[in-house]
Amino acid sequence: MADAMQDTAVRTSRTVRILIYLILLLFGLFYLLPLYVMLINSVKPLNEITGGGMMNLPQALTFAPWAKAWSSAQIGVDPTGLSPYFWNSIKVVVPAVVISTILGAINGYVLTKWRFKYDKILFGLMLFACFIPFQIVLIPMARMLGLMGIAGTTSGLALVHIVYGIGFTTLYFRNYYAVFPTELVRAAQIDGAGFFQIFWRILLPSSGPIAVVSIIWQFTNIWNDFLFGASFADATSQPMTVALNNLVQSSHGVKEYNVHFAGAIIAALPTLLVYVVAGRYFVRGLMAGSVKG
């Protein structure tokens, strides 16, 4: 009797598990459906799309839409396609991510291991900065960039993202360093180690998980940003997202949906690759930060 009940329980558990997997599979397929539509239509001739076969597989496979989106007279302002704007985004993302991550790590180190008067108030103000709407800072930031002489440049756009990202990176590193053994820092001070020696040799080498979180977070936000790029960049320094919008809006008469789909995939590929390659480290870093925080 006991064996029969146990077998029944095992079969029920297996059935429930299969149902859960099927439901998750359906949700996954539904979530990936837009990506499927973009991929298959980016390698079709335009007449196959306009003929009502958007969900069908391509009958005549072509990569001409990709070439046209990447390098062709489609954007209007600059007749070279998305390629120069891709490199504009790289010029903005790389320094902004690196500098904001390093500054956030130093801030987290200072706020946890070098306590000073009003340090909690300072951290609260930096945390408050994370929740300031983008629209509020547009005019003051534009004024400051103009006074500094870097308005309408990739350097100015990188500076905007550095300033706006420091609050987030500080929050991540501060929570991560909060329970880092302070005794190690005190021992290093007794041995004569200075401020930056302790940071570079003790804290930073153990900061891999949270550094990955900070880098992925900043990279994704900066690469996908549209508002700051449209507000602070000129025609030659626009990032990828603004150029993609111009690509879609520049069509006169016939909408080249295959080119638009290809351009959207090109714009999304870097963030997609980052999450595919480092997604599991992002989750581990978040878990480590939550435990340590």
C-alpha atoms as a PDB file:
ATOM      1  CA  MET A   1       0.000   0.000   0.000  1.00  0.00           C
ATOM      2  CA  ALA A   2       2.781   2.382   0.932  1.00  0.00           C
ATOM      3  CA  ASP A   3       4.665   1.541  -2.278  1.00  0.00           C
ATOM      4  CA  ALA A   4       1.561   2.206  -4.372  1.00  0.00           C
ATOM      5  CA  MET A   5       1.019   5.576  -2.713  1.00  0.00           C
ATOM      6  CA  GLN A   6       4.658   6.455  -3.230  1.00  0.00           C
ATOM      7  CA  ASP A   7       4.459   5.524  -6.939  1.00  0.00           C
ATOM      8  CA  THR A   8       1.326   7.631  -7.300  1.00  0.00           C
ATOM      9  CA  ALA A   9       3.030  10.580  -5.648  1.00  0.00           C
ATOM     10  CA  VAL A  10       6.060  10.200  -7.948  1.00  0.00           C
ATOM     11  CA  ARG A  11       3.863  10.091 -11.073  1.00  0.00           C
ATOM     12  CA  THR A  12       1.871  13.106  -9.896  1.00  0.00           C
ATOM     13  CA  SER A  13       5.057  15.034  -9.215  1.00  0.00           C
ATOM     14  CA  ARG A  14       6.400  14.121 -12.651  1.00  0.00           C
ATOM     15  CA  THR A  15       3.153  15.165 -14.346  1.00  0.00           C
ATOM     16  CA  VAL A  16       3.118  18.494 -12.537  1.00  0.00           C
ATOM     17  CA  ARG A  17       6.752  19.087 -13.500  1.00  0.00           C
ATOM     18  CA  ILE A  18       6.021  18.323 -17.161  1.00  0.00           C
ATOM     19  CA  LEU A  19       3.053  20.707 -17.126  1.00  0.00           C
ATOM     20  CA  ILE A  20       5.186  23.441 -15.588  1.00  0.00           C
ATOM     21  CA  TYR A  21       7.877  22.946 -18.235  1.00  0.00           C
ATOM     22  CA  LEU A  22       5.276  23.053 -21.011  1.00  0.00           C
ATOM     23  CA  ILE A  23       3.802  26.279 -19.659  1.00  0.00           C
ATOM     24  CA  LEU A  24       7.272  27.826 -19.357  1.00  0.00           C
ATOM     25  CA  LEU A  25       8.056  26.684 -22.899  1.00  0.00           C
ATOM     26  CA  LEU A  26       4.893  28.355 -24.206  1.00  0.00           C
ATOM     27  CA  PHE A  27       5.748  31.586 -22.386  1.00  0.00           C
ATOM     28  CA  GLY A  28       9.296  31.413 -23.757  1.00  0.00           C
ATOM     29  CA  LEU A  29       8.072  30.918 -27.325  1.00  0.00           C
ATOM     30  CA  PHE A  30       5.593  33.777 -26.935  1.00  0.00           C
ATOM     31  CA  TYR A  31       8.359  36.032 -25.582  1.00  0.00           C
ATOM     32  CA  LEU A  32      10.715  35.114 -28.451  1.00  0.00           C
ATOM     33  CA  LEU A  33       8.075  35.598 -31.157  1.00  0.00           C
ATOM     34  CA  PRO A  34       9.017  39.261 -31.869  1.00  0.00           C
ATOM     35  CA  LEU A  35      12.672  38.244 -32.244  1.00  0.00           C
ATOM     36  CA  TYR A  36      11.627  35.519 -34.690  1.00  0.00           C
ATOM     37  CA  VAL A  37       9.623  38.036 -36.737  1.00  0.00           C
ATOM     38  CA  MET A  38      12.553  40.455 -36.818  1.00  0.00           C
ATOM     39  CA  LEU A  39      15.088  37.804 -37.811  1.00  0.00           C
ATOM     40  CA  ILE A  40      13.168  36.174 -40.630  1.00  0.00           C
ATOM     41  CA  ASN A  41      11.964  39.472 -42.087  1.00  0.00           C
ATOM     42  CA  SER A  42      15.446  40.976 -42.013  1.00  0.00           C
ATOM     43  CA  VAL A  43      16.599  38.364 -44.550  1.00  0.00           C
ATOM     44  CA  LYS A  44      13.606  38.614 -46.905  1.00  0.00           C
ATOM     45  CA  PRO A  45      13.059  40.726 -50.011  1.00  0.00           C
ATOM     46  CA  LEU A  46      10.579  43.501 -49.374  1.00  0.00           C
ATOM     47  CA  ASN A  47       7.936  42.029 -51.686  1.00  0.00           C
ATOM     48  CA  GLU A  48       7.666  38.913 -49.493  1.00  0.00           C
ATOM     49  CA  ILE A  49       6.868  41.083 -46.474  1.00  0.00           C
ATOM     50  CA  THR A  50       4.402  43.414 -48.169  1.00  0.00           C
ATOM     51  CA  GLY A  51       2.709  40.403 -49.727  1.00  0.00           C
ATOM     52  CA  GLY A  52       1.362  39.387 -46.339  1.00  0.00           C
ATOM     53  CA  GLY A  53       3.913  36.734 -45.430  1.00  0.00           C
ATOM     54  CA  MET A  54       5.482  38.327 -42.396  1.00  0.00           C
ATOM     55  CA  MET A  55       5.335  35.113 -40.336  1.00  0.00           C
ATOM     56  CA  ASN A  56       6.527  32.844 -43.156  1.00  0.00           C
ATOM     57  CA  LEU A  57      10.072  31.686 -43.646  1.00  0.00           C
ATOM     58  CA  PRO A  58      11.956  33.477 -46.451  1.00  0.00           C
ATOM     59  CA  GLN A  59      11.631  31.989 -49.910  1.00  0.00           C
ATOM     60  CA  ALA A  60      14.600  33.947 -51.249  1.00  0.00           C
ATOM     61  CA  LEU A  61      17.226  34.402 -48.527  1.00  0.00           C
ATOM     62  CA  THR A  62      19.069  37.716 -48.802  1.00  0.00           C
ATOM     63  CA  PHE A  63      21.388  39.733 -46.565  1.00  0.00           C
ATOM     64  CA  ALA A  64      21.056  42.878 -48.632  1.00  0.00           C
ATOM     65  CA  PRO A  65      18.842  44.557 -45.959  1.00  0.00           C
ATOM     66  CA  TRP A  66      21.643  44.091 -43.420  1.00  0.00           C
ATOM     67  CA  ALA A  67      24.186  45.665 -45.743  1.00  0.00           C
ATOM     68  CA  LYS A  68      21.785  48.488 -46.544  1.00  0.00           C
ATOM     69  CA  ALA A  69      21.104  49.191 -42.853  1.00  0.00           C
ATOM     70  CA  TRP A  70      24.785  49.073 -41.938  1.00  0.00           C
ATOM     71  CA  SER A  71      26.217  51.126 -44.794  1.00  0.00           C
ATOM     72  CA  SER A  72      23.966  52.949 -47.238  1.00  0.00           C
ATOM     73  CA  ALA A  73      22.206  56.248 -47.904  1.00  0.00           C
ATOM     74  CA  GLN A  74      19.278  55.562 -45.590  1.00  0.00           C
ATOM     75  CA  ILE A  75      19.537  57.944 -42.683  1.00  0.00           C
ATOM     76  CA  GLY A  76      19.355  61.247 -44.511  1.00  0.00           C
ATOM     77  CA  VAL A  77      21.728  63.316 -42.381  1.00  0.00           C
ATOM     78  CA  ASP A  78      24.706  61.037 -42.949  1.00  0.00           C
ATOM     79  CA  PRO A  79      24.638  58.817 -46.062  1.00  0.00           C
ATOM     80  CA  THR A  80      26.757  56.033 -44.588  1.00  0.00           C
ATOM     81  CA  GLY A  81      24.193  53.921 -42.739  1.00  0.00           C
ATOM     82  CA  LEU A  82      24.377  52.876 -39.106  1.00  0.00           C
ATOM     83  CA  SER A  83      28.102  52.105 -39.027  1.00  0.00           C
ATOM     84  CA  PRO A  84      29.432  55.517 -37.847  1.00  0.00           C
ATOM     85  CA  TYR A  85      26.748  55.741 -35.185  1.00  0.00           C
ATOM     86  CA  PHE A  86      27.665  52.284 -33.942  1.00  0.00           C
ATOM     87  CA  TRP A  87      31.182  53.543 -33.274  1.00  0.00           C
ATOM     88  CA  ASN A  88      29.758  56.677 -31.670  1.00  0.00           C
ATOM     89  CA  SER A  89      27.963  54.441 -29.186  1.00  0.00           C
ATOM     90  CA  ILE A  90      31.206  52.561 -28.536  1.00  0.00           C
ATOM     91  CA  LYS A  91      33.007  55.856 -27.886  1.00  0.00           C
ATOM     92  CA  VAL A  92      30.329  56.795 -25.357  1.00  0.00           C
ATOM     93  CA  VAL A  93      29.785  53.419 -23.689  1.00  0.00           C
ATOM     94  CA  VAL A  94      33.357  52.295 -23.039  1.00  0.00           C
ATOM     95  CA  PRO A  95      34.664  55.350 -21.124  1.00  0.00           C
ATOM     96  CA  ALA A  96      31.332  55.915 -19.368  1.00  0.00           C
ATOM     97  CA  VAL A  97      31.125  52.324 -18.122  1.00  0.00           C
ATOM     98  CA  VAL A  98      34.765  52.139 -17.050  1.00  0.00           C
ATOM     99  CA  ILE A  99      34.887  55.512 -15.283  1.00  0.00           C
ATOM    100  CA  SER A 100      31.499  55.216 -13.554  1.00  0.00           C
ATOM    101  CA  THR A 101      32.332  51.698 -12.339  1.00  0.00           C
ATOM    102  CA  ILE A 102      35.714  52.738 -10.933  1.00  0.00           C
ATOM    103  CA  LEU A 103      34.259  55.833  -9.267  1.00  0.00           C
ATOM    104  CA  GLY A 104      31.405  53.788  -7.847  1.00  0.00           C
ATOM    105  CA  ALA A 105      33.877  51.278  -6.413  1.00  0.00           C
ATOM    106  CA  ILE A 106      35.927  54.050  -4.778  1.00  0.00           C
ATOM    107  CA  ASN A 107      32.775  55.675  -3.384  1.00  0.00           C
ATOM    108  CA  GLY A 108      31.585  52.353  -1.979  1.00  0.00           C
ATOM    109  CA  TYR A 109      34.985  51.810  -0.412  1.00  0.00           C
ATOM    110  CA  VAL A 110      34.998  55.258   1.191  1.00  0.00           C
ATOM    111  CA  LEU A 111      31.423  55.023   2.464  1.00  0.00           C
ATOM    112  CA  THR A 112      32.008  51.671   4.173  1.00  0.00           C
ATOM    113  CA  LYS A 113      35.661  51.558   5.261  1.00  0.00           C
ATOM    114  CA  TRP A 114      36.585  55.230   5.716  1.00  0.00           C
ATOM    115  CA  ARG A 115      33.631  56.515   7.695  1.00  0.00           C
ATOM    116  CA  PHE A 116      33.340  60.262   8.213  1.00  0.00           C
ATOM    117  CA  LYS A 117      30.815  62.759   9.487  1.00  0.00           C
ATOM    118  CA  TYR A 118      27.619  62.969   7.432  1.00  0.00           C
ATOM    119  CA  ASP A 119      28.642  59.991   5.305  1.00  0.00           C
ATOM    120  CA  LYS A 120      25.117  58.558   5.534  1.00  0.00           C
ATOM    121  CA  ILE A 121      23.631  61.871   4.393  1.00  0.00           C
ATOM    122  CA  LEU A 122      26.012  61.916   1.422  1.00  0.00           C
ATOM    123  CA  PHE A 123      25.072  58.355   0.510  1.00  0.00           C
ATOM    124  CA  GLY A 124      21.394  59.240   0.832  1.00  0.00           C
ATOM    125  CA  LEU A 125      21.837  62.145  -1.577  1.00  0.00           C
ATOM    126  CA  MET A 126      23.632  59.907  -4.087  1.00  0.00           C
ATOM    127  CA  LEU A 127      20.878  57.334  -3.721  1.00  0.00           C
ATOM    128  CA  PHE A 128      18.269  60.034  -4.269  1.00  0.00           C
ATOM    129  CA  ALA A 129      20.060  60.988  -7.499  1.00  0.00           C
ATOM    130  CA  CYS A 130      19.259  57.524  -8.878  1.00  0.00           C
ATOM    131  CA  PHE A 131      15.558  58.363  -8.883  1.00  0.00           C
ATOM    132  CA  ILE A 132      15.693  61.808 -10.464  1.00  0.00           C
ATOM    133  CA  PRO A 133      13.753  61.671 -13.764  1.00  0.00           C
ATOM    134  CA  PHE A 134      15.822  62.168 -16.894  1.00  0.00           C
ATOM    135  CA  GLN A 135      13.666  65.068 -18.058  1.00  0.00           C
ATOM    136  CA  ILE A 136      14.532  67.201 -15.020  1.00  0.00           C
ATOM    137  CA  VAL A 137      18.267  67.282 -15.785  1.00  0.00           C
ATOM    138  CA  LEU A 138      18.032  68.017 -19.511  1.00  0.00           C
ATOM    139  CA  ILE A 139      18.206  71.816 -19.367  1.00  0.00           C
ATOM    140  CA  PRO A 140      20.809  72.107 -16.551  1.00  0.00           C
ATOM    141  CA  MET A 141      22.962  69.439 -18.176  1.00  0.00           C
ATOM    142  CA  ALA A 142      22.749  71.107 -21.594  1.00  0.00           C
ATOM    143  CA  ARG A 143      23.788  74.399 -19.986  1.00  0.00           C
ATOM    144  CA  MET A 144      26.781  72.786 -18.249  1.00  0.00           C
ATOM    145  CA  LEU A 145      27.917  71.010 -21.412  1.00  0.00           C
ATOM    146  CA  GLY A 146      27.739  74.302 -23.270  1.00  0.00           C
ATOM    147  CA  LEU A 147      29.829  76.089 -20.629  1.00  0.00           C
ATOM    148  CA  MET A 148      32.396  73.273 -20.749  1.00  0.00           C
ATOM    149  CA  GLY A 149      32.557  73.423 -24.547  1.00  0.00           C
ATOM    150  CA  ILE A 150      31.675  69.774 -25.114  1.00  0.00           C
ATOM    151  CA  ALA A 151      28.030  70.111 -26.198  1.00  0.00           C
ATOM    152  CA  GLY A 152      27.156  67.965 -29.199  1.00  0.00           C
ATOM    153  CA  THR A 153      30.146  65.610 -28.769  1.00  0.00           C
ATOM    154  CA  THR A 154      30.575  61.989 -27.766  1.00  0.00           C
ATOM    155  CA  SER A 155      32.740  63.175 -24.854  1.00  0.00           C
ATOM    156  CA  GLY A 156      29.913  65.318 -23.518  1.00  0.00           C
ATOM    157  CA  LEU A 157      27.427  62.464 -23.883  1.00  0.00           C
ATOM    158  CA  ALA A 158      29.829  60.127 -22.058  1.00  0.00           C
ATOM    159  CA  LEU A 159      30.129  62.664 -19.237  1.00  0.00           C
ATOM    160  CA  VAL A 160      26.335  62.778 -18.903  1.00  0.00           C
ATOM    161  CA  HIS A 161      26.153  59.017 -18.491  1.00  0.00           C
ATOM    162  CA  ILE A 162      29.065  58.987 -16.048  1.00  0.00           C
ATOM    163  CA  VAL A 163      27.370  61.562 -13.815  1.00  0.00           C
ATOM    164  CA  TYR A 164      24.001  59.837 -14.017  1.00  0.00           C
ATOM    165  CA  GLY A 165      25.466  56.379 -13.418  1.00  0.00           C
ATOM    166  CA  ILE A 166      27.642  57.117 -10.382  1.00  0.00           C
ATOM    167  CA  GLY A 167      24.669  56.862  -8.020  1.00  0.00           C
ATOM    168  CA  PHE A 168      23.848  53.338  -9.200  1.00  0.00           C
ATOM    169  CA  THR A 169      27.418  52.053  -9.184  1.00  0.00           C
ATOM    170  CA  THR A 170      28.004  53.552  -5.742  1.00  0.00           C
ATOM    171  CA  LEU A 171      24.911  51.778  -4.443  1.00  0.00           C
ATOM    172  CA  TYR A 172      26.096  48.422  -5.799  1.00  0.00           C
ATOM    173  CA  PHE A 173      29.629  48.647  -4.432  1.00  0.00           C
ATOM    174  CA  ARG A 174      28.586  50.185  -1.131  1.00  0.00           C
ATOM    175  CA  ASN A 175      26.231  47.282  -0.418  1.00  0.00           C
ATOM    176  CA  TYR A 176      28.847  44.773  -1.534  1.00  0.00           C
ATOM    177  CA  TYR A 177      31.594  46.251   0.649  1.00  0.00           C
ATOM    178  CA  ALA A 178      29.311  46.736   3.665  1.00  0.00           C
ATOM    179  CA  VAL A 179      30.181  43.372   5.255  1.00  0.00           C
ATOM    180  CA  PHE A 180      33.653  43.025   3.798  1.00  0.00           C
ATOM    181  CA  PRO A 181      35.938  42.303   6.807  1.00  0.00           C
ATOM    182  CA  THR A 182      36.955  45.694   8.139  1.00  0.00           C
ATOM    183  CA  GLU A 183      39.727  43.957  10.107  1.00  0.00           C
ATOM    184  CA  LEU A 184      41.622  43.382   6.858  1.00  0.00           C
ATOM    185  CA  VAL A 185      41.521  47.085   6.120  1.00  0.00           C
ATOM    186  CA  ARG A 186      42.643  47.985   9.639  1.00  0.00           C
ATOM    187  CA  ALA A 187      45.466  45.454   9.480  1.00  0.00           C
ATOM    188  CA  ALA A 188      46.635  46.894   6.175  1.00  0.00           C
ATOM    189  CA  GLN A 189      46.592  50.384   7.682  1.00  0.00           C
ATOM    190  CA  ILE A 190      48.713  49.193  10.596  1.00  0.00           C
ATOM    191  CA  ASP A 191      51.186  47.714   8.116  1.00  0.00           C
ATOM    192  CA  GLY A 192      51.478  51.123   6.475  1.00  0.00           C
ATOM    193  CA  ALA A 193      49.230  50.649   3.440  1.00  0.00           C
ATOM    194  CA  GLY A 194      47.700  53.831   2.103  1.00  0.00           C
ATOM    195  CA  PHE A 195      44.209  54.623   0.826  1.00  0.00           C
ATOM    196  CA  PHE A 196      44.711  53.450  -2.749  1.00  0.00           C
ATOM    197  CA  GLN A 197      46.975  50.555  -1.818  1.00  0.00           C
ATOM    198  CA  ILE A 198      44.184  49.046   0.297  1.00  0.00           C
ATOM    199  CA  PHE A 199      41.677  49.640  -2.468  1.00  0.00           C
ATOM    200  CA  TRP A 200      43.714  48.192  -5.333  1.00  0.00           C
ATOM    201  CA  ARG A 201      45.269  45.258  -3.473  1.00  0.00           C
ATOM    202  CA  ILE A 202      42.540  44.162  -1.034  1.00  0.00           C
ATOM    203  CA  LEU A 203      39.056  45.305  -2.014  1.00  0.00           C
ATOM    204  CA  LEU A 204      39.179  45.526  -5.807  1.00  0.00           C
ATOM    205  CA  PRO A 205      40.504  41.973  -6.409  1.00  0.00           C
ATOM    206  CA  SER A 206      37.475  40.597  -4.519  1.00  0.00           C
ATOM    207  CA  SER A 207      34.965  42.800  -6.350  1.00  0.00           C
ATOM    208  CA  GLY A 208      34.546  40.698  -9.486  1.00  0.00           C
ATOM    209  CA  PRO A 209      30.874  39.718  -9.018  1.00  0.00           C
ATOM    210  CA  ILE A 210      29.603  43.195  -8.250  1.00  0.00           C
ATOM    211  CA  ALA A 211      31.836  44.757 -10.925  1.00  0.00           C
ATOM    212  CA  VAL A 212      30.131  42.524 -13.509  1.00  0.00           C
ATOM    213  CA  VAL A 213      26.724  43.709 -12.270  1.00  0.00           C
ATOM    214  CA  SER A 214      27.793  47.336 -12.516  1.00  0.00           C
ATOM    215  CA  ILE A 215      29.311  46.932 -15.980  1.00  0.00           C
ATOM    216  CA  ILE A 216      26.316  45.097 -17.434  1.00  0.00           C
ATOM    217  CA  TRP A 217      23.853  47.533 -15.866  1.00  0.00           C
ATOM    218  CA  GLN A 218      25.689  50.579 -17.128  1.00  0.00           C
ATOM    219  CA  PHE A 219      26.393  49.103 -20.545  1.00  0.00           C
ATOM    220  CA  THR A 220      22.744  48.215 -21.087  1.00  0.00           C
ATOM    221  CA  ASN A 221      21.389  51.575 -19.908  1.00  0.00           C
ATOM    222  CA  ILE A 222      23.885  53.629 -21.890  1.00  0.00           C
ATOM    223  CA  TRP A 223      23.669  51.615 -25.094  1.00  0.00           C
ATOM    224  CA  ASN A 224      19.848  51.637 -25.078  1.00  0.00           C
ATOM    225  CA  ASP A 225      19.533  55.291 -24.100  1.00  0.00           C
ATOM    226  CA  PHE A 226      17.612  57.481 -26.511  1.00  0.00           C
ATOM    227  CA  LEU A 227      16.653  60.627 -24.582  1.00  0.00           C
ATOM    228  CA  PHE A 228      20.171  61.798 -23.696  1.00  0.00           C
ATOM    229  CA  GLY A 229      21.459  60.895 -27.155  1.00  0.00           C
ATOM    230  CA  ALA A 230      18.692  62.860 -28.861  1.00  0.00           C
ATOM    231  CA  SER A 231      19.143  65.815 -26.485  1.00  0.00           C
ATOM    232  CA  PHE A 232      22.911  66.223 -26.187  1.00  0.00           C
ATOM    233  CA  ALA A 233      24.352  64.857 -29.458  1.00  0.00           C
ATOM    234  CA  ASP A 234      24.541  66.567 -32.825  1.00  0.00           C
ATOM    235  CA  ALA A 235      24.230  65.012 -36.279  1.00  0.00           C
ATOM    236  CA  THR A 236      27.762  63.573 -36.230  1.00  0.00           C
ATOM    237  CA  SER A 237      27.862  62.320 -32.622  1.00  0.00           C
ATOM    238  CA  GLN A 238      24.480  60.616 -32.369  1.00  0.00           C
ATOM    239  CA  PRO A 239      24.447  57.173 -30.759  1.00  0.00           C
ATOM    240  CA  MET A 240      23.014  54.016 -32.278  1.00  0.00           C
ATOM    241  CA  THR A 241      19.486  54.368 -30.904  1.00  0.00           C
ATOM    242  CA  VAL A 242      18.999  57.843 -32.347  1.00  0.00           C
ATOM    243  CA  ALA A 243      20.407  56.745 -35.701  1.00  0.00           C
ATOM    244  CA  LEU A 244      18.023  53.773 -35.727  1.00  0.00           C
ATOM    245  CA  ASN A 245      15.075  56.118 -35.200  1.00  0.00           C
ATOM    246  CA  ASN A 246      16.320  58.292 -38.058  1.00  0.00           C
ATOM    247  CA  LEU A 247      16.689  55.213 -40.240  1.00  0.00           C
ATOM    248  CA  VAL A 248      13.045  54.274 -39.699  1.00  0.00           C
ATOM    249  CA  GLN A 249      11.824  57.846 -40.224  1.00  0.00           C
ATOM    250  CA  SER A 250      13.952  58.554 -43.303  1.00  0.00           C
ATOM    251  CA  SER A 251      12.063  56.257 -45.671  1.00  0.00           C
ATOM    252  CA  HIS A 252      10.179  58.246 -48.295  1.00  0.00           C
ATOM    253  CA  GLY A 253       7.123  56.549 -49.759  1.00  0.00           C
ATOM    254  CA  VAL A 254       7.808  52.812 -49.370  1.00  0.00           C
ATOM    255  CA  LYS A 255       8.679  51.578 -45.886  1.00  0.00           C
ATOM    256  CA  GLU A 256      11.638  49.199 -46.115  1.00  0.00           C
ATOM    257  CA  TYR A 257      10.645  46.950 -43.254  1.00  0.00           C
ATOM    258  CA  ASN A 258      13.400  44.434 -43.923  1.00  0.00           C
ATOM    259  CA  VAL A 259      16.028  47.170 -43.578  1.00  0.00           C
ATOM    260  CA  HIS A 260      14.344  48.461 -40.423  1.00  0.00           C
ATOM    261  CA  PHE A 261      14.312  44.983 -38.876  1.00  0.00           C
ATOM    262  CA  ALA A 262      17.973  44.472 -39.755  1.00  0.00           C
ATOM    263  CA  GLY A 263      18.897  47.828 -38.235  1.00  0.00           C
ATOM    264  CA  ALA A 264      17.003  47.039 -35.036  1.00  0.00           C
ATOM    265  CA  ILE A 265      18.836  43.718 -34.672  1.00  0.00           C
ATOM    266  CA  ILE A 266      22.199  45.377 -35.298  1.00  0.00           C
ATOM    267  CA  ALA A 267      21.409  47.935 -32.595  1.00  0.00           C
ATOM    268  CA  ALA A 268      20.338  45.226 -30.139  1.00  0.00           C
ATOM    269  CA  LEU A 269      23.171  42.751 -30.802  1.00  0.00           C
ATOM    270  CA  PRO A 270      25.747  44.192 -28.344  1.00  0.00           C
ATOM    271  CA  THR A 271      23.429  44.063 -25.325  1.00  0.00           C
ATOM    272  CA  LEU A 272      22.155  40.643 -26.400  1.00  0.00           C
ATOM    273  CA  LEU A 273      25.698  39.307 -26.623  1.00  0.00           C
ATOM    274  CA  VAL A 274      26.592  40.788 -23.243  1.00  0.00           C
ATOM    275  CA  TYR A 275      23.698  39.006 -21.536  1.00  0.00           C
ATOM    276  CA  VAL A 276      24.331  35.730 -23.382  1.00  0.00           C
ATOM    277  CA  VAL A 277      28.011  35.717 -22.451  1.00  0.00           C
ATOM    278  CA  ALA A 278      27.845  37.200 -18.951  1.00  0.00           C
ATOM    279  CA  GLY A 279      24.212  36.775 -17.892  1.00  0.00           C
ATOM    280  CA  ARG A 280      24.931  34.060 -15.342  1.00  0.00           C
ATOM    281  CA  TYR A 281      27.621  36.241 -13.749  1.00  0.00           C
ATOM    282  CA  PHE A 282      25.111  39.090 -13.556  1.00  0.00           C
ATOM    283  CA  VAL A 283      22.718  36.901 -11.552  1.00  0.00           C
ATOM    284  CA  ARG A 284      25.532  35.672  -9.283  1.00  0.00           C
ATOM    285  CA  GLY A 285      26.665  39.231  -8.679  1.00  0.00           C
ATOM    286  CA  LEU A 286      23.156  40.341  -7.766  1.00  0.00           C
ATOM    287  CA  MET A 287      22.831  37.430  -5.349  1.00  0.00           C
ATOM    288  CA  ALA A 288      26.208  38.203  -3.808  1.00  0.00           C
ATOM    289  CA  GLY A 289      25.295  41.852  -3.451  1.00  0.00           C
ATOM    290  CA  SER A 290      21.948  41.020  -1.848  1.00  0.00           C
ATOM    291  CA  VAL A 291      23.563  38.687   0.674  1.00  0.00           C
ATOM    292  CA  LYS A 292      26.366  41.050   1.489  1.00  0.00           C
ATOM    293  CA  GLY A 293      24.070  44.075   1.574  1.00  0.00           C
END
